[in-house]
Amino acid sequence: MVGRGGFGVVYRGHLKLLGRQVAVKKILKVIGDGHKGFFAEVSTISEAKHKNLVKFFGWCCRGRS
């Protein structure tokens, strides 16, 4: 685990097929219209470019787990 926030945790991972290091954020708590907030965050992160941030690669939704 790399970090923890109010809505979830962030893990460090590695995509073997692509040879890339990744950060994986797992949402643990959705409040109210949380999906709207999730997509707003995805949009913001995908446009962010900074030397201390990992490049946005993609997202997925896997039910409730």
PDB file of N, CA and C in Angstrom:
ATOM      1  N   MET A   1       0.841  -1.177   0.000  1.00  0.00           N
ATOM      2  CA  MET A   1       0.000   0.000   0.000  1.00  0.00           C
ATOM      3  C   MET A   1       0.890   1.247   0.000  1.00  0.00           C
ATOM      4  N   VAL A   2       0.558   2.176  -0.865  1.00  0.00           N
ATOM      5  CA  VAL A   2       1.306   3.424  -0.982  1.00  0.00           C
ATOM      6  C   VAL A   2       0.669   4.518  -0.141  1.00  0.00           C
ATOM      7  N   GLY A   3      -0.661   4.548  -0.104  1.00  0.00           N
ATOM      8  CA  GLY A   3      -1.353   5.589   0.649  1.00  0.00           C
ATOM      9  C   GLY A   3      -2.804   5.246   0.891  1.00  0.00           C
ATOM     10  N   ARG A   4      -3.425   6.036   1.766  1.00  0.00           N
ATOM     11  CA  ARG A   4      -4.833   5.829   2.106  1.00  0.00           C
ATOM     12  C   ARG A   4      -5.480   7.197   2.237  1.00  0.00           C
ATOM     13  N   GLY A   5      -6.705   7.305   1.734  1.00  0.00           N
ATOM     14  CA  GLY A   5      -7.456   8.548   1.836  1.00  0.00           C
ATOM     15  C   GLY A   5      -8.852   8.269   2.344  1.00  0.00           C
ATOM     16  N   GLY A   6      -9.711   9.276   2.284  1.00  0.00           N
ATOM     17  CA  GLY A   6     -11.060   9.149   2.792  1.00  0.00           C
ATOM     18  C   GLY A   6     -11.932   8.185   2.008  1.00  0.00           C
ATOM     19  N   PHE A   7     -11.614   7.972   0.735  1.00  0.00           N
ATOM     20  CA  PHE A   7     -12.465   7.134  -0.108  1.00  0.00           C
ATOM     21  C   PHE A   7     -11.820   5.826  -0.538  1.00  0.00           C
ATOM     22  N   GLY A   8     -10.519   5.669  -0.320  1.00  0.00           N
ATOM     23  CA  GLY A   8      -9.899   4.428  -0.769  1.00  0.00           C
ATOM     24  C   GLY A   8      -8.418   4.351  -0.465  1.00  0.00           C
ATOM     25  N   VAL A   9      -7.789   3.348  -1.053  1.00  0.00           N
ATOM     26  CA  VAL A   9      -6.360   3.111  -0.863  1.00  0.00           C
ATOM     27  C   VAL A   9      -5.671   3.048  -2.220  1.00  0.00           C
ATOM     28  N   VAL A  10      -4.364   3.335  -2.203  1.00  0.00           N
ATOM     29  CA  VAL A  10      -3.565   3.289  -3.425  1.00  0.00           C
ATOM     30  C   VAL A  10      -2.462   2.258  -3.233  1.00  0.00           C
ATOM     31  N   TYR A  11      -2.340   1.378  -4.214  1.00  0.00           N
ATOM     32  CA  TYR A  11      -1.327   0.329  -4.191  1.00  0.00           C
ATOM     33  C   TYR A  11      -0.341   0.535  -5.330  1.00  0.00           C
ATOM     34  N   ARG A  12       0.878   0.057  -5.136  1.00  0.00           N
ATOM     35  CA  ARG A  12       1.875   0.037  -6.207  1.00  0.00           C
ATOM     36  C   ARG A  12       1.780  -1.320  -6.889  1.00  0.00           C
ATOM     37  N   GLY A  13       1.856  -1.313  -8.212  1.00  0.00           N
ATOM     38  CA  GLY A  13       1.765  -2.565  -8.954  1.00  0.00           C
ATOM     39  C   GLY A  13       2.689  -2.575 -10.151  1.00  0.00           C
ATOM     40  N   HIS A  14       2.688  -3.679 -10.862  1.00  0.00           N
ATOM     41  CA  HIS A  14       3.529  -3.832 -12.053  1.00  0.00           C
ATOM     42  C   HIS A  14       2.750  -4.619 -13.104  1.00  0.00           C
ATOM     43  N   LEU A  15       2.622  -4.046 -14.302  1.00  0.00           N
ATOM     44  CA  LEU A  15       1.984  -4.752 -15.416  1.00  0.00           C
ATOM     45  C   LEU A  15       3.076  -5.493 -16.172  1.00  0.00           C
ATOM     46  N   LYS A  16       3.175  -6.784 -15.966  1.00  0.00           N
ATOM     47  CA  LYS A  16       4.258  -7.574 -16.560  1.00  0.00           C
ATOM     48  C   LYS A  16       4.259  -7.522 -18.080  1.00  0.00           C
ATOM     49  N   LEU A  17       3.080  -7.646 -18.702  1.00  0.00           N
ATOM     50  CA  LEU A  17       3.019  -7.666 -20.165  1.00  0.00           C
ATOM     51  C   LEU A  17       3.534  -6.379 -20.795  1.00  0.00           C
ATOM     52  N   LEU A  18       3.345  -5.262 -20.106  1.00  0.00           N
ATOM     53  CA  LEU A  18       3.784  -3.971 -20.642  1.00  0.00           C
ATOM     54  C   LEU A  18       5.074  -3.481 -20.007  1.00  0.00           C
ATOM     55  N   GLY A  19       5.529  -4.166 -18.968  1.00  0.00           N
ATOM     56  CA  GLY A  19       6.753  -3.756 -18.289  1.00  0.00           C
ATOM     57  C   GLY A  19       6.635  -2.382 -17.649  1.00  0.00           C
ATOM     58  N   ARG A  20       5.484  -2.083 -17.056  1.00  0.00           N
ATOM     59  CA  ARG A  20       5.252  -0.766 -16.470  1.00  0.00           C
ATOM     60  C   ARG A  20       4.921  -0.854 -14.993  1.00  0.00           C
ATOM     61  N   GLN A  21       5.435   0.135 -14.259  1.00  0.00           N
ATOM     62  CA  GLN A  21       5.038   0.321 -12.869  1.00  0.00           C
ATOM     63  C   GLN A  21       3.733   1.104 -12.885  1.00  0.00           C
ATOM     64  N   VAL A  22       2.810   0.757 -12.000  1.00  0.00           N
ATOM     65  CA  VAL A  22       1.521   1.441 -11.952  1.00  0.00           C
ATOM     66  C   VAL A  22       1.113   1.728 -10.511  1.00  0.00           C
ATOM     67  N   ALA A  23       0.216   2.681 -10.367  1.00  0.00           N
ATOM     68  CA  ALA A  23      -0.448   2.934  -9.093  1.00  0.00           C
ATOM     69  C   ALA A  23      -1.903   2.539  -9.299  1.00  0.00           C
ATOM     70  N   VAL A  24      -2.449   1.767  -8.371  1.00  0.00           N
ATOM     71  CA  VAL A  24      -3.830   1.299  -8.477  1.00  0.00           C
ATOM     72  C   VAL A  24      -4.615   1.861  -7.297  1.00  0.00           C
ATOM     73  N   LYS A  25      -5.644   2.645  -7.606  1.00  0.00           N
ATOM     74  CA  LYS A  25      -6.487   3.203  -6.548  1.00  0.00           C
ATOM     75  C   LYS A  25      -7.756   2.372  -6.446  1.00  0.00           C
ATOM     76  N   LYS A  26      -8.029   1.866  -5.253  1.00  0.00           N
ATOM     77  CA  LYS A  26      -9.239   1.082  -5.004  1.00  0.00           C
ATOM     78  C   LYS A  26     -10.193   1.931  -4.168  1.00  0.00           C
ATOM     79  N   ILE A  27     -11.360   2.207  -4.741  1.00  0.00           N
ATOM     80  CA  ILE A  27     -12.365   3.002  -4.046  1.00  0.00           C
ATOM     81  C   ILE A  27     -13.073   2.098  -3.039  1.00  0.00           C
ATOM     82  N   LEU A  28     -13.086   2.515  -1.779  1.00  0.00           N
ATOM     83  CA  LEU A  28     -13.696   1.709  -0.729  1.00  0.00           C
ATOM     84  C   LEU A  28     -15.059   2.233  -0.303  1.00  0.00           C
ATOM     85  N   LYS A  29     -15.299   3.522  -0.524  1.00  0.00           N
ATOM     86  CA  LYS A  29     -16.528   4.127  -0.036  1.00  0.00           C
ATOM     87  C   LYS A  29     -17.103   5.054  -1.101  1.00  0.00           C
ATOM     88  N   VAL A  30     -18.333   4.806  -1.506  1.00  0.00           N
ATOM     89  CA  VAL A  30     -19.030   5.677  -2.448  1.00  0.00           C
ATOM     90  C   VAL A  30     -20.182   6.323  -1.696  1.00  0.00           C
ATOM     91  N   ILE A  31     -20.196   7.658  -1.688  1.00  0.00           N
ATOM     92  CA  ILE A  31     -21.216   8.397  -0.948  1.00  0.00           C
ATOM     93  C   ILE A  31     -22.094   9.168  -1.929  1.00  0.00           C
ATOM     94  N   GLY A  32     -23.399   9.075  -1.757  1.00  0.00           N
ATOM     95  CA  GLY A  32     -24.331   9.837  -2.587  1.00  0.00           C
ATOM     96  C   GLY A  32     -24.140   9.548  -4.063  1.00  0.00           C
ATOM     97  N   ASP A  33     -23.846  10.580  -4.817  1.00  0.00           N
ATOM     98  CA  ASP A  33     -23.634  10.456  -6.259  1.00  0.00           C
ATOM     99  C   ASP A  33     -22.141  10.235  -6.517  1.00  0.00           C
ATOM    100  N   GLY A  34     -21.561   9.257  -5.835  1.00  0.00           N
ATOM    101  CA  GLY A  34     -20.118   9.019  -5.867  1.00  0.00           C
ATOM    102  C   GLY A  34     -19.548   8.694  -7.221  1.00  0.00           C
ATOM    103  N   HIS A  35     -20.340   8.068  -8.087  1.00  0.00           N
ATOM    104  CA  HIS A  35     -19.820   7.732  -9.406  1.00  0.00           C
ATOM    105  C   HIS A  35     -19.489   8.988 -10.199  1.00  0.00           C
ATOM    106  N   LYS A  36     -20.271  10.033 -10.000  1.00  0.00           N
ATOM    107  CA  LYS A  36     -20.011  11.308 -10.667  1.00  0.00           C
ATOM    108  C   LYS A  36     -18.648  11.849 -10.204  1.00  0.00           C
ATOM    109  N   GLY A  37     -18.392  11.758  -8.896  1.00  0.00           N
ATOM    110  CA  GLY A  37     -17.114  12.201  -8.344  1.00  0.00           C
ATOM    111  C   GLY A  37     -15.955  11.368  -8.867  1.00  0.00           C
ATOM    112  N   PHE A  38     -16.185  10.062  -9.017  1.00  0.00           N
ATOM    113  CA  PHE A  38     -15.147   9.180  -9.543  1.00  0.00           C
ATOM    114  C   PHE A  38     -14.757   9.595 -10.955  1.00  0.00           C
ATOM    115  N   PHE A  39     -15.756   9.819 -11.812  1.00  0.00           N
ATOM    116  CA  PHE A  39     -15.459  10.190 -13.196  1.00  0.00           C
ATOM    117  C   PHE A  39     -14.832  11.578 -13.289  1.00  0.00           C
ATOM    118  N   ALA A  40     -15.195  12.482 -12.380  1.00  0.00           N
ATOM    119  CA  ALA A  40     -14.553  13.799 -12.343  1.00  0.00           C
ATOM    120  C   ALA A  40     -13.077  13.648 -11.982  1.00  0.00           C
ATOM    121  N   GLU A  41     -12.778  12.762 -11.028  1.00  0.00           N
ATOM    122  CA  GLU A  41     -11.385  12.530 -10.634  1.00  0.00           C
ATOM    123  C   GLU A  41     -10.596  11.886 -11.774  1.00  0.00           C
ATOM    124  N   VAL A  42     -11.197  10.921 -12.451  1.00  0.00           N
ATOM    125  CA  VAL A  42     -10.536  10.277 -13.594  1.00  0.00           C
ATOM    126  C   VAL A  42     -10.203  11.317 -14.655  1.00  0.00           C
ATOM    127  N   SER A  43     -11.137  12.205 -14.933  1.00  0.00           N
ATOM    128  CA  SER A  43     -10.922  13.250 -15.932  1.00  0.00           C
ATOM    129  C   SER A  43      -9.769  14.166 -15.530  1.00  0.00           C
ATOM    130  N   THR A  44      -9.739  14.581 -14.273  1.00  0.00           N
ATOM    131  CA  THR A  44      -8.681  15.468 -13.783  1.00  0.00           C
ATOM    132  C   THR A  44      -7.326  14.781 -13.819  1.00  0.00           C
ATOM    133  N   ILE A  45      -7.261  13.561 -13.316  1.00  0.00           N
ATOM    134  CA  ILE A  45      -5.991  12.833 -13.267  1.00  0.00           C
ATOM    135  C   ILE A  45      -5.465  12.549 -14.667  1.00  0.00           C
ATOM    136  N   SER A  46      -6.353  12.244 -15.595  1.00  0.00           N
ATOM    137  CA  SER A  46      -5.901  11.910 -16.950  1.00  0.00           C
ATOM    138  C   SER A  46      -5.261  13.102 -17.653  1.00  0.00           C
ATOM    139  N   GLU A  47      -5.591  14.315 -17.222  1.00  0.00           N
ATOM    140  CA  GLU A  47      -5.020  15.516 -17.830  1.00  0.00           C
ATOM    141  C   GLU A  47      -3.806  16.039 -17.076  1.00  0.00           C
ATOM    142  N   ALA A  48      -3.576  15.563 -15.862  1.00  0.00           N
ATOM    143  CA  ALA A  48      -2.473  16.057 -15.032  1.00  0.00           C
ATOM    144  C   ALA A  48      -1.132  15.547 -15.547  1.00  0.00           C
ATOM    145  N   LYS A  49      -0.171  16.440 -15.590  1.00  0.00           N
ATOM    146  CA  LYS A  49       1.180  16.068 -15.995  1.00  0.00           C
ATOM    147  C   LYS A  49       2.168  16.740 -15.043  1.00  0.00           C
ATOM    148  N   HIS A  50       2.897  15.929 -14.300  1.00  0.00           N
ATOM    149  CA  HIS A  50       3.869  16.437 -13.342  1.00  0.00           C
ATOM    150  C   HIS A  50       4.899  15.347 -13.094  1.00  0.00           C
ATOM    151  N   LYS A  51       6.137  15.744 -12.841  1.00  0.00           N
ATOM    152  CA  LYS A  51       7.209  14.758 -12.657  1.00  0.00           C
ATOM    153  C   LYS A  51       6.988  13.859 -11.438  1.00  0.00           C
ATOM    154  N   ASN A  52       6.202  14.303 -10.465  1.00  0.00           N
ATOM    155  CA  ASN A  52       5.948  13.504  -9.264  1.00  0.00           C
ATOM    156  C   ASN A  52       4.657  12.688  -9.330  1.00  0.00           C
ATOM    157  N   LEU A  53       3.977  12.716 -10.469  1.00  0.00           N
ATOM    158  CA  LEU A  53       2.751  11.942 -10.647  1.00  0.00           C
ATOM    159  C   LEU A  53       2.964  10.860 -11.685  1.00  0.00           C
ATOM    160  N   VAL A  54       2.357   9.706 -11.450  1.00  0.00           N
ATOM    161  CA  VAL A  54       2.409   8.666 -12.476  1.00  0.00           C
ATOM    162  C   VAL A  54       1.473   9.070 -13.605  1.00  0.00           C
ATOM    163  N   LYS A  55       1.802   8.659 -14.821  1.00  0.00           N
ATOM    164  CA  LYS A  55       0.971   8.966 -15.980  1.00  0.00           C
ATOM    165  C   LYS A  55      -0.301   8.127 -15.921  1.00  0.00           C
ATOM    166  N   PHE A  56      -1.429   8.765 -16.218  1.00  0.00           N
ATOM    167  CA  PHE A  56      -2.700   8.052 -16.213  1.00  0.00           C
ATOM    168  C   PHE A  56      -2.711   7.053 -17.356  1.00  0.00           C
ATOM    169  N   PHE A  57      -3.083   5.809 -17.043  1.00  0.00           N
ATOM    170  CA  PHE A  57      -3.057   4.737 -18.036  1.00  0.00           C
ATOM    171  C   PHE A  57      -4.454   4.241 -18.376  1.00  0.00           C
ATOM    172  N   GLY A  58      -5.347   4.200 -17.409  1.00  0.00           N
ATOM    173  CA  GLY A  58      -6.698   3.718 -17.652  1.00  0.00           C
ATOM    174  C   GLY A  58      -7.427   3.454 -16.352  1.00  0.00           C
ATOM    175  N   TRP A  59      -8.643   2.969 -16.483  1.00  0.00           N
ATOM    176  CA  TRP A  59      -9.445   2.655 -15.304  1.00  0.00           C
ATOM    177  C   TRP A  59     -10.347   1.466 -15.613  1.00  0.00           C
ATOM    178  N   CYS A  60     -10.871   0.869 -14.558  1.00  0.00           N
ATOM    179  CA  CYS A  60     -11.833  -0.213 -14.738  1.00  0.00           C
ATOM    180  C   CYS A  60     -12.812  -0.198 -13.577  1.00  0.00           C
ATOM    181  N   CYS A  61     -13.911  -0.857 -13.767  1.00  0.00           N
ATOM    182  CA  CYS A  61     -14.931  -0.978 -12.729  1.00  0.00           C
ATOM    183  C   CYS A  61     -15.266  -2.454 -12.613  1.00  0.00           C
ATOM    184  N   ARG A  62     -15.120  -2.989 -11.412  1.00  0.00           N
ATOM    185  CA  ARG A  62     -15.347  -4.426 -11.222  1.00  0.00           C
ATOM    186  C   ARG A  62     -16.371  -4.672 -10.134  1.00  0.00           C
ATOM    187  N   GLY A  63     -17.571  -4.210 -10.319  1.00  0.00           N
ATOM    188  CA  GLY A  63     -18.634  -4.459  -9.349  1.00  0.00           C
ATOM    189  C   GLY A  63     -18.362  -3.829  -8.010  1.00  0.00           C
ATOM    190  N   ARG A  64     -18.620  -4.572  -6.967  1.00  0.00           N
ATOM    191  CA  ARG A  64     -18.477  -4.039  -5.615  1.00  0.00           C
ATOM    192  C   ARG A  64     -17.188  -4.470  -4.936  1.00  0.00           C
ATOM    193  N   SER A  65     -16.270  -5.090  -5.658  1.00  0.00           N
ATOM    194  CA  SER A  65     -15.020  -5.504  -5.007  1.00  0.00           C
ATOM    195  C   SER A  65     -13.826  -5.032  -5.774  1.00  0.00           C
TER     196      SER A  65
END
